[in-house]
Amino acid sequence: VATIRTGDTTEYADSVKGRFTVSRDVKNTVSLQMNKLKPE
């Protein structure tokens, strides 16, 4: 779906680009904000 590397380089599946956002904090908690969700 989405990945984030040390240094904050991100990668997204084409199907979620523009709708999902991945983020990461200094404690290595990773979050996925999912907007405009679809049944698929």
Full PDB file with SEQRES, HELIX, SHEET, SSBOND, CRYST1, ORIGX, SCALE, CONECT and MASTER records, all heavy atoms in Angstrom:
SEQRES   1 A   40  VAL ALA THR ILE ARG THR GLY ASP THR THR GLU TYR ALA          
SEQRES   2 A   40  ASP SER VAL LYS GLY ARG PHE THR VAL SER ARG ASP VAL          
SEQRES   3 A   40  LYS ASN THR VAL SER LEU GLN MET ASN LYS LEU LYS PRO          
SEQRES   4 A   40  GLU                                                          
SHEET    1 AA1 2 ALA A   2  ILE A   4  0                                        
SHEET    2 AA1 2 THR A  10  TYR A  12 -1                                        
SHEET    1 AA2 2 PHE A  20  ARG A  24  0                                        
SHEET    2 AA2 2 VAL A  30  MET A  34 -1                                        
CRYST1    1.000    1.000    1.000  90.00  90.00  90.00 P 1           1          
ORIGX1      1.000000  0.000000  0.000000        0.00000                         
ORIGX2      0.000000  1.000000  0.000000        0.00000                         
ORIGX3      0.000000  0.000000  1.000000        0.00000                         
SCALE1      1.000000  0.000000  0.000000        0.00000                         
SCALE2      0.000000  1.000000  0.000000        0.00000                         
SCALE3      0.000000  0.000000  1.000000        0.00000                         
ATOM      1  N   VAL A   1       0.846  -1.193   0.000  1.00  0.00           N  
ATOM      2  CA  VAL A   1       0.000   0.000   0.000  1.00  0.00           C  
ATOM      3  C   VAL A   1       0.883   1.245   0.000  1.00  0.00           C  
ATOM      4  O   VAL A   1       0.790   2.089  -0.889  1.00  0.00           O  
ATOM      5  CB  VAL A   1      -0.936   0.015   1.220  1.00  0.00           C  
ATOM      6  CG1 VAL A   1      -1.748   1.311   1.251  1.00  0.00           C  
ATOM      7  CG2 VAL A   1      -1.852  -1.201   1.215  1.00  0.00           C  
ATOM      8  N   ALA A   2       1.758   1.333   0.998  1.00  0.00           N  
ATOM      9  CA  ALA A   2       2.633   2.503   1.101  1.00  0.00           C  
ATOM     10  C   ALA A   2       3.801   2.175   2.017  1.00  0.00           C  
ATOM     11  O   ALA A   2       3.631   1.433   2.980  1.00  0.00           O  
ATOM     12  CB  ALA A   2       1.874   3.711   1.652  1.00  0.00           C  
ATOM     13  N   THR A   3       4.973   2.726   1.703  1.00  0.00           N  
ATOM     14  CA  THR A   3       6.129   2.557   2.561  1.00  0.00           C  
ATOM     15  C   THR A   3       6.825   3.899   2.759  1.00  0.00           C  
ATOM     16  O   THR A   3       6.687   4.823   1.938  1.00  0.00           O  
ATOM     17  CB  THR A   3       7.146   1.560   1.976  1.00  0.00           C  
ATOM     18  OG1 THR A   3       7.621   2.054   0.719  1.00  0.00           O  
ATOM     19  CG2 THR A   3       6.537   0.187   1.793  1.00  0.00           C  
ATOM     20  N   ILE A   4       7.591   3.985   3.825  1.00  0.00           N  
ATOM     21  CA  ILE A   4       8.369   5.179   4.116  1.00  0.00           C  
ATOM     22  C   ILE A   4       9.700   4.741   4.697  1.00  0.00           C  
ATOM     23  O   ILE A   4       9.760   3.951   5.633  1.00  0.00           O  
ATOM     24  CB  ILE A   4       7.606   6.130   5.060  1.00  0.00           C  
ATOM     25  CG1 ILE A   4       8.402   7.405   5.302  1.00  0.00           C  
ATOM     26  CG2 ILE A   4       7.195   5.441   6.349  1.00  0.00           C  
ATOM     27  CD1 ILE A   4       7.572   8.518   5.942  1.00  0.00           C  
ATOM     28  N   ARG A   5      10.764   5.255   4.098  1.00  0.00           N  
ATOM     29  CA  ARG A   5      12.105   4.884   4.518  1.00  0.00           C  
ATOM     30  C   ARG A   5      12.648   5.902   5.508  1.00  0.00           C  
ATOM     31  O   ARG A   5      12.140   7.026   5.632  1.00  0.00           O  
ATOM     32  CB  ARG A   5      13.038   4.814   3.316  1.00  0.00           C  
ATOM     33  CG  ARG A   5      12.651   3.771   2.298  1.00  0.00           C  
ATOM     34  CD  ARG A   5      13.793   3.512   1.338  1.00  0.00           C  
ATOM     35  NE  ARG A   5      14.956   2.945   2.021  1.00  0.00           N  
ATOM     36  CZ  ARG A   5      16.078   2.622   1.412  1.00  0.00           C  
ATOM     37  NH1 ARG A   5      16.202   2.809   0.107  1.00  0.00           N  
ATOM     38  NH2 ARG A   5      17.089   2.118   2.083  1.00  0.00           N  
ATOM     39  N   THR A   6      13.697   5.540   6.190  1.00  0.00           N  
ATOM     40  CA  THR A   6      14.450   6.495   6.986  1.00  0.00           C  
ATOM     41  C   THR A   6      14.876   7.623   6.052  1.00  0.00           C  
ATOM     42  O   THR A   6      15.442   7.363   4.990  1.00  0.00           O  
ATOM     43  CB  THR A   6      15.689   5.829   7.600  1.00  0.00           C  
ATOM     44  OG1 THR A   6      15.278   4.718   8.387  1.00  0.00           O  
ATOM     45  CG2 THR A   6      16.453   6.814   8.453  1.00  0.00           C  
ATOM     46  N   GLY A   7      14.579   8.848   6.425  1.00  0.00           N  
ATOM     47  CA  GLY A   7      14.811   9.967   5.521  1.00  0.00           C  
ATOM     48  C   GLY A   7      13.534  10.406   4.831  1.00  0.00           C  
ATOM     49  O   GLY A   7      13.527  11.374   4.067  1.00  0.00           O  
ATOM     50  N   ASP A   8      12.436   9.639   5.083  1.00  0.00           N  
ATOM     51  CA  ASP A   8      11.086  10.018   4.647  1.00  0.00           C  
ATOM     52  C   ASP A   8      10.816   9.875   3.156  1.00  0.00           C  
ATOM     53  O   ASP A   8       9.908  10.507   2.627  1.00  0.00           O  
ATOM     54  CB  ASP A   8      10.732  11.437   5.106  1.00  0.00           C  
ATOM     55  CG  ASP A   8      10.612  11.536   6.624  1.00  0.00           C  
ATOM     56  OD1 ASP A   8      10.419  10.483   7.264  1.00  0.00           O  
ATOM     57  OD2 ASP A   8      10.730  12.642   7.157  1.00  0.00           O  
ATOM     58  N   THR A   9      11.579   9.049   2.466  1.00  0.00           N  
ATOM     59  CA  THR A   9      11.228   8.722   1.085  1.00  0.00           C  
ATOM     60  C   THR A   9      10.026   7.791   1.103  1.00  0.00           C  
ATOM     61  O   THR A   9      10.029   6.779   1.791  1.00  0.00           O  
ATOM     62  CB  THR A   9      12.403   8.027   0.375  1.00  0.00           C  
ATOM     63  OG1 THR A   9      13.529   8.892   0.398  1.00  0.00           O  
ATOM     64  CG2 THR A   9      12.023   7.680  -1.056  1.00  0.00           C  
ATOM     65  N   THR A  10       9.003   8.125   0.340  1.00  0.00           N  
ATOM     66  CA  THR A  10       7.774   7.340   0.356  1.00  0.00           C  
ATOM     67  C   THR A  10       7.522   6.662  -0.989  1.00  0.00           C  
ATOM     68  O   THR A  10       8.015   7.082  -2.033  1.00  0.00           O  
ATOM     69  CB  THR A  10       6.558   8.215   0.698  1.00  0.00           C  
ATOM     70  OG1 THR A  10       6.468   9.284  -0.260  1.00  0.00           O  
ATOM     71  CG2 THR A  10       6.666   8.791   2.085  1.00  0.00           C  
ATOM     72  N   GLU A  11       6.723   5.595  -0.918  1.00  0.00           N  
ATOM     73  CA  GLU A  11       6.293   4.874  -2.115  1.00  0.00           C  
ATOM     74  C   GLU A  11       4.836   4.489  -1.909  1.00  0.00           C  
ATOM     75  O   GLU A  11       4.452   4.070  -0.813  1.00  0.00           O  
ATOM     76  CB  GLU A  11       7.140   3.619  -2.327  1.00  0.00           C  
ATOM     77  CG  GLU A  11       6.739   2.788  -3.530  1.00  0.00           C  
ATOM     78  CD  GLU A  11       7.577   1.518  -3.661  1.00  0.00           C  
ATOM     79  OE1 GLU A  11       8.461   1.295  -2.814  1.00  0.00           O  
ATOM     80  OE2 GLU A  11       7.324   0.744  -4.608  1.00  0.00           O  
ATOM     81  N   TYR A  12       4.036   4.618  -2.959  1.00  0.00           N  
ATOM     82  CA  TYR A  12       2.610   4.302  -2.871  1.00  0.00           C  
ATOM     83  C   TYR A  12       2.196   3.404  -4.024  1.00  0.00           C  
ATOM     84  O   TYR A  12       2.703   3.515  -5.139  1.00  0.00           O  
ATOM     85  CB  TYR A  12       1.759   5.579  -2.941  1.00  0.00           C  
ATOM     86  CG  TYR A  12       1.905   6.500  -1.763  1.00  0.00           C  
ATOM     87  CD1 TYR A  12       2.830   7.544  -1.787  1.00  0.00           C  
ATOM     88  CD2 TYR A  12       1.107   6.350  -0.631  1.00  0.00           C  
ATOM     89  CE1 TYR A  12       2.964   8.396  -0.699  1.00  0.00           C  
ATOM     90  CE2 TYR A  12       1.230   7.210   0.458  1.00  0.00           C  
ATOM     91  CZ  TYR A  12       2.161   8.223   0.415  1.00  0.00           C  
ATOM     92  OH  TYR A  12       2.283   9.073   1.488  1.00  0.00           O  
ATOM     93  N   ALA A  13       1.229   2.543  -3.742  1.00  0.00           N  
ATOM     94  CA  ALA A  13       0.575   1.813  -4.819  1.00  0.00           C  
ATOM     95  C   ALA A  13      -0.211   2.811  -5.665  1.00  0.00           C  
ATOM     96  O   ALA A  13      -0.752   3.788  -5.143  1.00  0.00           O  
ATOM     97  CB  ALA A  13      -0.370   0.766  -4.246  1.00  0.00           C  
ATOM     98  N   ASP A  14      -0.271   2.567  -6.955  1.00  0.00           N  
ATOM     99  CA  ASP A  14      -0.992   3.481  -7.845  1.00  0.00           C  
ATOM    100  C   ASP A  14      -2.441   3.658  -7.414  1.00  0.00           C  
ATOM    101  O   ASP A  14      -3.016   4.741  -7.555  1.00  0.00           O  
ATOM    102  CB  ASP A  14      -0.939   2.967  -9.287  1.00  0.00           C  
ATOM    103  CG  ASP A  14       0.438   3.118  -9.906  1.00  0.00           C  
ATOM    104  OD1 ASP A  14       1.261   3.897  -9.374  1.00  0.00           O  
ATOM    105  OD2 ASP A  14       0.698   2.441 -10.928  1.00  0.00           O  
ATOM    106  N   SER A  15      -3.029   2.608  -6.887  1.00  0.00           N  
ATOM    107  CA  SER A  15      -4.442   2.640  -6.542  1.00  0.00           C  
ATOM    108  C   SER A  15      -4.765   3.556  -5.358  1.00  0.00           C  
ATOM    109  O   SER A  15      -5.932   3.898  -5.151  1.00  0.00           O  
ATOM    110  CB  SER A  15      -4.940   1.227  -6.229  1.00  0.00           C  
ATOM    111  OG  SER A  15      -4.204   0.681  -5.151  1.00  0.00           O  
ATOM    112  N   VAL A  16      -3.748   3.951  -4.599  1.00  0.00           N  
ATOM    113  CA  VAL A  16      -4.013   4.783  -3.420  1.00  0.00           C  
ATOM    114  C   VAL A  16      -3.371   6.171  -3.518  1.00  0.00           C  
ATOM    115  O   VAL A  16      -3.579   7.004  -2.629  1.00  0.00           O  
ATOM    116  CB  VAL A  16      -3.543   4.090  -2.126  1.00  0.00           C  
ATOM    117  CG1 VAL A  16      -4.151   2.699  -2.021  1.00  0.00           C  
ATOM    118  CG2 VAL A  16      -2.022   4.032  -2.030  1.00  0.00           C  
ATOM    119  N   LYS A  17      -2.603   6.413  -4.559  1.00  0.00           N  
ATOM    120  CA  LYS A  17      -1.946   7.720  -4.702  1.00  0.00           C  
ATOM    121  C   LYS A  17      -2.981   8.842  -4.715  1.00  0.00           C  
ATOM    122  O   LYS A  17      -4.006   8.758  -5.376  1.00  0.00           O  
ATOM    123  CB  LYS A  17      -1.125   7.751  -5.995  1.00  0.00           C  
ATOM    124  CG  LYS A  17       0.169   6.982  -5.920  1.00  0.00           C  
ATOM    125  CD  LYS A  17       0.944   7.066  -7.236  1.00  0.00           C  
ATOM    126  CE  LYS A  17       2.241   6.279  -7.163  1.00  0.00           C  
ATOM    127  NZ  LYS A  17       2.970   6.287  -8.449  1.00  0.00           N  
ATOM    128  N   GLY A  18      -2.684   9.884  -3.949  1.00  0.00           N  
ATOM    129  CA  GLY A  18      -3.592  11.024  -3.870  1.00  0.00           C  
ATOM    130  C   GLY A  18      -4.692  10.859  -2.839  1.00  0.00           C  
ATOM    131  O   GLY A  18      -5.414  11.812  -2.542  1.00  0.00           O  
ATOM    132  N   ARG A  19      -4.840   9.641  -2.297  1.00  0.00           N  
ATOM    133  CA  ARG A  19      -5.885   9.399  -1.287  1.00  0.00           C  
ATOM    134  C   ARG A  19      -5.292   9.009   0.068  1.00  0.00           C  
ATOM    135  O   ARG A  19      -5.842   9.357   1.104  1.00  0.00           O  
ATOM    136  CB  ARG A  19      -6.826   8.283  -1.756  1.00  0.00           C  
ATOM    137  CG  ARG A  19      -7.540   8.579  -3.065  1.00  0.00           C  
ATOM    138  CD  ARG A  19      -8.604   7.529  -3.371  1.00  0.00           C  
ATOM    139  NE  ARG A  19      -8.042   6.199  -3.550  1.00  0.00           N  
ATOM    140  CZ  ARG A  19      -8.381   5.134  -2.817  1.00  0.00           C  
ATOM    141  NH1 ARG A  19      -9.278   5.249  -1.840  1.00  0.00           N  
ATOM    142  NH2 ARG A  19      -7.828   3.939  -3.049  1.00  0.00           N  
ATOM    143  N   PHE A  20      -4.190   8.277   0.044  1.00  0.00           N  
ATOM    144  CA  PHE A  20      -3.561   7.799   1.269  1.00  0.00           C  
ATOM    145  C   PHE A  20      -2.255   8.552   1.502  1.00  0.00           C  
ATOM    146  O   PHE A  20      -1.547   8.892   0.551  1.00  0.00           O  
ATOM    147  CB  PHE A  20      -3.244   6.316   1.177  1.00  0.00           C  
ATOM    148  CG  PHE A  20      -4.443   5.399   1.173  1.00  0.00           C  
ATOM    149  CD1 PHE A  20      -5.738   5.875   1.014  1.00  0.00           C  
ATOM    150  CD2 PHE A  20      -4.259   4.034   1.329  1.00  0.00           C  
ATOM    151  CE1 PHE A  20      -6.829   5.026   1.004  1.00  0.00           C  
ATOM    152  CE2 PHE A  20      -5.335   3.161   1.335  1.00  0.00           C  
ATOM    153  CZ  PHE A  20      -6.625   3.663   1.154  1.00  0.00           C  
ATOM    154  N   THR A  21      -1.932   8.749   2.777  1.00  0.00           N  
ATOM    155  CA  THR A  21      -0.667   9.381   3.144  1.00  0.00           C  
ATOM    156  C   THR A  21      -0.018   8.594   4.270  1.00  0.00           C  
ATOM    157  O   THR A  21      -0.648   8.351   5.307  1.00  0.00           O  
ATOM    158  CB  THR A  21      -0.883  10.828   3.604  1.00  0.00           C  
ATOM    159  OG1 THR A  21      -1.532  11.578   2.569  1.00  0.00           O  
ATOM    160  CG2 THR A  21       0.454  11.488   3.923  1.00  0.00           C  
ATOM    161  N   VAL A  22       1.226   8.200   4.059  1.00  0.00           N  
ATOM    162  CA  VAL A  22       1.979   7.473   5.084  1.00  0.00           C  
ATOM    163  C   VAL A  22       2.925   8.448   5.770  1.00  0.00           C  
ATOM    164  O   VAL A  22       3.502   9.336   5.127  1.00  0.00           O  
ATOM    165  CB  VAL A  22       2.747   6.282   4.471  1.00  0.00           C  
ATOM    166  CG1 VAL A  22       3.802   6.730   3.477  1.00  0.00           C  
ATOM    167  CG2 VAL A  22       3.361   5.415   5.568  1.00  0.00           C  
ATOM    168  N   SER A  23       3.059   8.291   7.081  1.00  0.00           N  
ATOM    169  CA  SER A  23       3.962   9.149   7.850  1.00  0.00           C  
ATOM    170  C   SER A  23       4.596   8.338   8.966  1.00  0.00           C  
ATOM    171  O   SER A  23       4.130   7.252   9.312  1.00  0.00           O  
ATOM    172  CB  SER A  23       3.207  10.359   8.414  1.00  0.00           C  
ATOM    173  OG  SER A  23       2.160   9.940   9.267  1.00  0.00           O  
ATOM    174  N   ARG A  24       5.646   8.915   9.523  1.00  0.00           N  
ATOM    175  CA  ARG A  24       6.438   8.193  10.526  1.00  0.00           C  
ATOM    176  C   ARG A  24       7.030   9.200  11.485  1.00  0.00           C  
ATOM    177  O   ARG A  24       7.473  10.275  11.076  1.00  0.00           O  
ATOM    178  CB  ARG A  24       7.542   7.435   9.796  1.00  0.00           C  
ATOM    179  CG  ARG A  24       8.507   6.635  10.607  1.00  0.00           C  
ATOM    180  CD  ARG A  24       9.394   5.896   9.615  1.00  0.00           C  
ATOM    181  NE  ARG A  24      10.484   5.181  10.264  1.00  0.00           N  
ATOM    182  CZ  ARG A  24      11.369   4.440   9.606  1.00  0.00           C  
ATOM    183  NH1 ARG A  24      11.289   4.329   8.288  1.00  0.00           N  
ATOM    184  NH2 ARG A  24      12.334   3.824  10.242  1.00  0.00           N  
ATOM    185  N   ASP A  25       7.047   8.855  12.789  1.00  0.00           N  
ATOM    186  CA  ASP A  25       7.625   9.783  13.742  1.00  0.00           C  
ATOM    187  C   ASP A  25       8.939   9.241  14.291  1.00  0.00           C  
ATOM    188  O   ASP A  25       9.389   8.151  13.924  1.00  0.00           O  
ATOM    189  CB  ASP A  25       6.624  10.099  14.859  1.00  0.00           C  
ATOM    190  CG  ASP A  25       6.322   8.901  15.756  1.00  0.00           C  
ATOM    191  OD1 ASP A  25       7.074   7.916  15.746  1.00  0.00           O  
ATOM    192  OD2 ASP A  25       5.302   8.966  16.468  1.00  0.00           O  
ATOM    193  N   VAL A  26       9.558   9.996  15.158  1.00  0.00           N  
ATOM    194  CA  VAL A  26      10.892   9.648  15.643  1.00  0.00           C  
ATOM    195  C   VAL A  26      10.886   8.402  16.518  1.00  0.00           C  
ATOM    196  O   VAL A  26      11.935   7.798  16.744  1.00  0.00           O  
ATOM    197  CB  VAL A  26      11.531  10.821  16.410  1.00  0.00           C  
ATOM    198  CG1 VAL A  26      11.774  11.990  15.469  1.00  0.00           C  
ATOM    199  CG2 VAL A  26      10.670  11.244  17.596  1.00  0.00           C  
ATOM    200  N   LYS A  27       9.718   8.022  17.003  1.00  0.00           N  
ATOM    201  CA  LYS A  27       9.617   6.805  17.819  1.00  0.00           C  
ATOM    202  C   LYS A  27       9.277   5.597  16.955  1.00  0.00           C  
ATOM    203  O   LYS A  27       8.943   4.528  17.488  1.00  0.00           O  
ATOM    204  CB  LYS A  27       8.555   6.990  18.898  1.00  0.00           C  
ATOM    205  CG  LYS A  27       8.898   8.065  19.911  1.00  0.00           C  
ATOM    206  CD  LYS A  27       7.828   8.159  20.994  1.00  0.00           C  
ATOM    207  CE  LYS A  27       8.187   9.221  22.022  1.00  0.00           C  
ATOM    208  NZ  LYS A  27       7.147   9.337  23.082  1.00  0.00           N  
ATOM    209  N   ASN A  28       9.356   5.780  15.624  1.00  0.00           N  
ATOM    210  CA  ASN A  28       9.037   4.694  14.697  1.00  0.00           C  
ATOM    211  C   ASN A  28       7.601   4.208  14.841  1.00  0.00           C  
ATOM    212  O   ASN A  28       7.332   3.002  14.787  1.00  0.00           O  
ATOM    213  CB  ASN A  28      10.024   3.537  14.820  1.00  0.00           C  
ATOM    214  CG  ASN A  28      11.318   3.821  14.087  1.00  0.00           C  
ATOM    215  OD1 ASN A  28      11.304   4.294  12.950  1.00  0.00           O  
ATOM    216  ND2 ASN A  28      12.429   3.558  14.714  1.00  0.00           N  
ATOM    217  N   THR A  29       6.701   5.144  15.058  1.00  0.00           N  
ATOM    218  CA  THR A  29       5.283   4.875  14.880  1.00  0.00           C  
ATOM    219  C   THR A  29       4.930   5.297  13.462  1.00  0.00           C  
ATOM    220  O   THR A  29       5.183   6.441  13.078  1.00  0.00           O  
ATOM    221  CB  THR A  29       4.431   5.653  15.890  1.00  0.00           C  
ATOM    222  OG1 THR A  29       4.709   5.192  17.201  1.00  0.00           O  
ATOM    223  CG2 THR A  29       2.948   5.455  15.605  1.00  0.00           C  
ATOM    224  N   VAL A  30       4.381   4.365  12.703  1.00  0.00           N  
ATOM    225  CA  VAL A  30       4.018   4.679  11.324  1.00  0.00           C  
ATOM    226  C   VAL A  30       2.501   4.751  11.225  1.00  0.00           C  
ATOM    227  O   VAL A  30       1.789   3.924  11.807  1.00  0.00           O  
ATOM    228  CB  VAL A  30       4.602   3.649  10.338  1.00  0.00           C  
ATOM    229  CG1 VAL A  30       4.059   2.253  10.588  1.00  0.00           C  
ATOM    230  CG2 VAL A  30       4.365   4.068   8.896  1.00  0.00           C  
ATOM    231  N   SER A  31       2.019   5.757  10.513  1.00  0.00           N  
ATOM    232  CA  SER A  31       0.581   5.963  10.371  1.00  0.00           C  
ATOM    233  C   SER A  31       0.197   5.969   8.899  1.00  0.00           C  
ATOM    234  O   SER A  31       1.019   6.270   8.030  1.00  0.00           O  
ATOM    235  CB  SER A  31       0.165   7.287  11.013  1.00  0.00           C  
ATOM    236  OG  SER A  31       0.441   7.277  12.401  1.00  0.00           O  
ATOM    237  N   LEU A  32      -1.044   5.631   8.655  1.00  0.00           N  
ATOM    238  CA  LEU A  32      -1.588   5.660   7.301  1.00  0.00           C  
ATOM    239  C   LEU A  32      -2.912   6.403   7.350  1.00  0.00           C  
ATOM    240  O   LEU A  32      -3.894   5.896   7.902  1.00  0.00           O  
ATOM    241  CB  LEU A  32      -1.788   4.247   6.758  1.00  0.00           C  
ATOM    242  CG  LEU A  32      -2.231   4.159   5.306  1.00  0.00           C  
ATOM    243  CD1 LEU A  32      -1.114   4.635   4.373  1.00  0.00           C  
ATOM    244  CD2 LEU A  32      -2.643   2.733   4.953  1.00  0.00           C  
ATOM    245  N   GLN A  33      -2.932   7.597   6.794  1.00  0.00           N  
ATOM    246  CA  GLN A  33      -4.160   8.370   6.695  1.00  0.00           C  
ATOM    247  C   GLN A  33      -4.843   8.001   5.391  1.00  0.00           C  
ATOM    248  O   GLN A  33      -4.261   8.172   4.313  1.00  0.00           O  
ATOM    249  CB  GLN A  33      -3.868   9.859   6.733  1.00  0.00           C  
ATOM    250  CG  GLN A  33      -5.103  10.734   6.577  1.00  0.00           C  
ATOM    251  CD  GLN A  33      -6.058  10.602   7.743  1.00  0.00           C  
ATOM    252  OE1 GLN A  33      -5.639  10.549   8.897  1.00  0.00           O  
ATOM    253  NE2 GLN A  33      -7.344  10.545   7.441  1.00  0.00           N  
ATOM    254  N   MET A  34      -6.044   7.468   5.488  1.00  0.00           N  
ATOM    255  CA  MET A  34      -6.764   6.990   4.315  1.00  0.00           C  
ATOM    256  C   MET A  34      -7.998   7.860   4.110  1.00  0.00           C  
ATOM    257  O   MET A  34      -8.901   7.881   4.955  1.00  0.00           O  
ATOM    258  CB  MET A  34      -7.162   5.526   4.502  1.00  0.00           C  
ATOM    259  CG  MET A  34      -5.989   4.618   4.806  1.00  0.00           C  
ATOM    260  SD  MET A  34      -6.444   2.872   4.879  1.00  0.00           S  
ATOM    261  CE  MET A  34      -7.464   2.871   6.349  1.00  0.00           C  
ATOM    262  N   ASN A  35      -8.040   8.563   3.009  1.00  0.00           N  
ATOM    263  CA  ASN A  35      -9.163   9.428   2.656  1.00  0.00           C  
ATOM    264  C   ASN A  35      -9.839   8.921   1.395  1.00  0.00           C  
ATOM    265  O   ASN A  35      -9.259   8.150   0.632  1.00  0.00           O  
ATOM    266  CB  ASN A  35      -8.684  10.860   2.443  1.00  0.00           C  
ATOM    267  CG  ASN A  35      -8.060  11.467   3.684  1.00  0.00           C  
ATOM    268  OD1 ASN A  35      -8.464  11.173   4.813  1.00  0.00           O  
ATOM    269  ND2 ASN A  35      -7.071  12.331   3.500  1.00  0.00           N  
ATOM    270  N   LYS A  36     -11.042   9.377   1.187  1.00  0.00           N  
ATOM    271  CA  LYS A  36     -11.806   9.011  -0.020  1.00  0.00           C  
ATOM    272  C   LYS A  36     -11.811   7.494  -0.210  1.00  0.00           C  
ATOM    273  O   LYS A  36     -11.531   6.993  -1.300  1.00  0.00           O  
ATOM    274  CB  LYS A  36     -11.243   9.721  -1.242  1.00  0.00           C  
ATOM    275  CG  LYS A  36     -11.272  11.232  -1.154  1.00  0.00           C  
ATOM    276  CD  LYS A  36     -10.672  11.884  -2.391  1.00  0.00           C  
ATOM    277  CE  LYS A  36     -10.683  13.398  -2.271  1.00  0.00           C  
ATOM    278  NZ  LYS A  36     -10.052  14.046  -3.458  1.00  0.00           N  
ATOM    279  N   LEU A  37     -12.119   6.790   0.837  1.00  0.00           N  
ATOM    280  CA  LEU A  37     -12.071   5.329   0.797  1.00  0.00           C  
ATOM    281  C   LEU A  37     -13.105   4.761  -0.152  1.00  0.00           C  
ATOM    282  O   LEU A  37     -14.212   5.301  -0.304  1.00  0.00           O  
ATOM    283  CB  LEU A  37     -12.263   4.760   2.200  1.00  0.00           C  
ATOM    284  CG  LEU A  37     -11.004   4.853   3.080  1.00  0.00           C  
ATOM    285  CD1 LEU A  37     -11.363   4.752   4.555  1.00  0.00           C  
ATOM    286  CD2 LEU A  37     -10.025   3.750   2.692  1.00  0.00           C  
ATOM    287  N   LYS A  38     -12.722   3.658  -0.783  1.00  0.00           N  
ATOM    288  CA  LYS A  38     -13.553   2.972  -1.758  1.00  0.00           C  
ATOM    289  C   LYS A  38     -13.818   1.542  -1.285  1.00  0.00           C  
ATOM    290  O   LYS A  38     -13.019   0.985  -0.521  1.00  0.00           O  
ATOM    291  CB  LYS A  38     -12.852   2.926  -3.115  1.00  0.00           C  
ATOM    292  CG  LYS A  38     -12.432   4.274  -3.665  1.00  0.00           C  
ATOM    293  CD  LYS A  38     -11.643   4.106  -4.961  1.00  0.00           C  
ATOM    294  CE  LYS A  38     -11.193   5.444  -5.522  1.00  0.00           C  
ATOM    295  NZ  LYS A  38     -10.416   5.295  -6.779  1.00  0.00           N  
ATOM    296  N   PRO A  39     -14.893   0.936  -1.745  1.00  0.00           N  
ATOM    297  CA  PRO A  39     -15.136  -0.459  -1.358  1.00  0.00           C  
ATOM    298  C   PRO A  39     -13.953  -1.377  -1.676  1.00  0.00           C  
ATOM    299  O   PRO A  39     -13.697  -2.332  -0.925  1.00  0.00           O  
ATOM    300  CB  PRO A  39     -16.371  -0.830  -2.182  1.00  0.00           C  
ATOM    301  CG  PRO A  39     -17.093   0.466  -2.350  1.00  0.00           C  
ATOM    302  CD  PRO A  39     -16.016   1.496  -2.507  1.00  0.00           C  
ATOM    303  N   GLU A  40     -13.242  -1.088  -2.744  1.00  0.00           N  
ATOM    304  CA  GLU A  40     -12.105  -1.938  -3.105  1.00  0.00           C  
ATOM    305  C   GLU A  40     -10.914  -1.766  -2.165  1.00  0.00           C  
ATOM    306  O   GLU A  40      -9.913  -2.490  -2.295  1.00  0.00           O  
ATOM    307  CB  GLU A  40     -11.670  -1.682  -4.555  1.00  0.00           C  
ATOM    308  CG  GLU A  40     -11.452  -0.233  -4.926  1.00  0.00           C  
ATOM    309  CD  GLU A  40     -12.666   0.390  -5.599  1.00  0.00           C  
ATOM    310  OE1 GLU A  40     -13.800   0.158  -5.123  1.00  0.00           O  
ATOM    311  OE2 GLU A  40     -12.469   1.127  -6.589  1.00  0.00           O  
TER     312      GLU A  40                                                      
MASTER        0    0    0    0    4    0    0    6  311    1    0    4          
END                                                                             
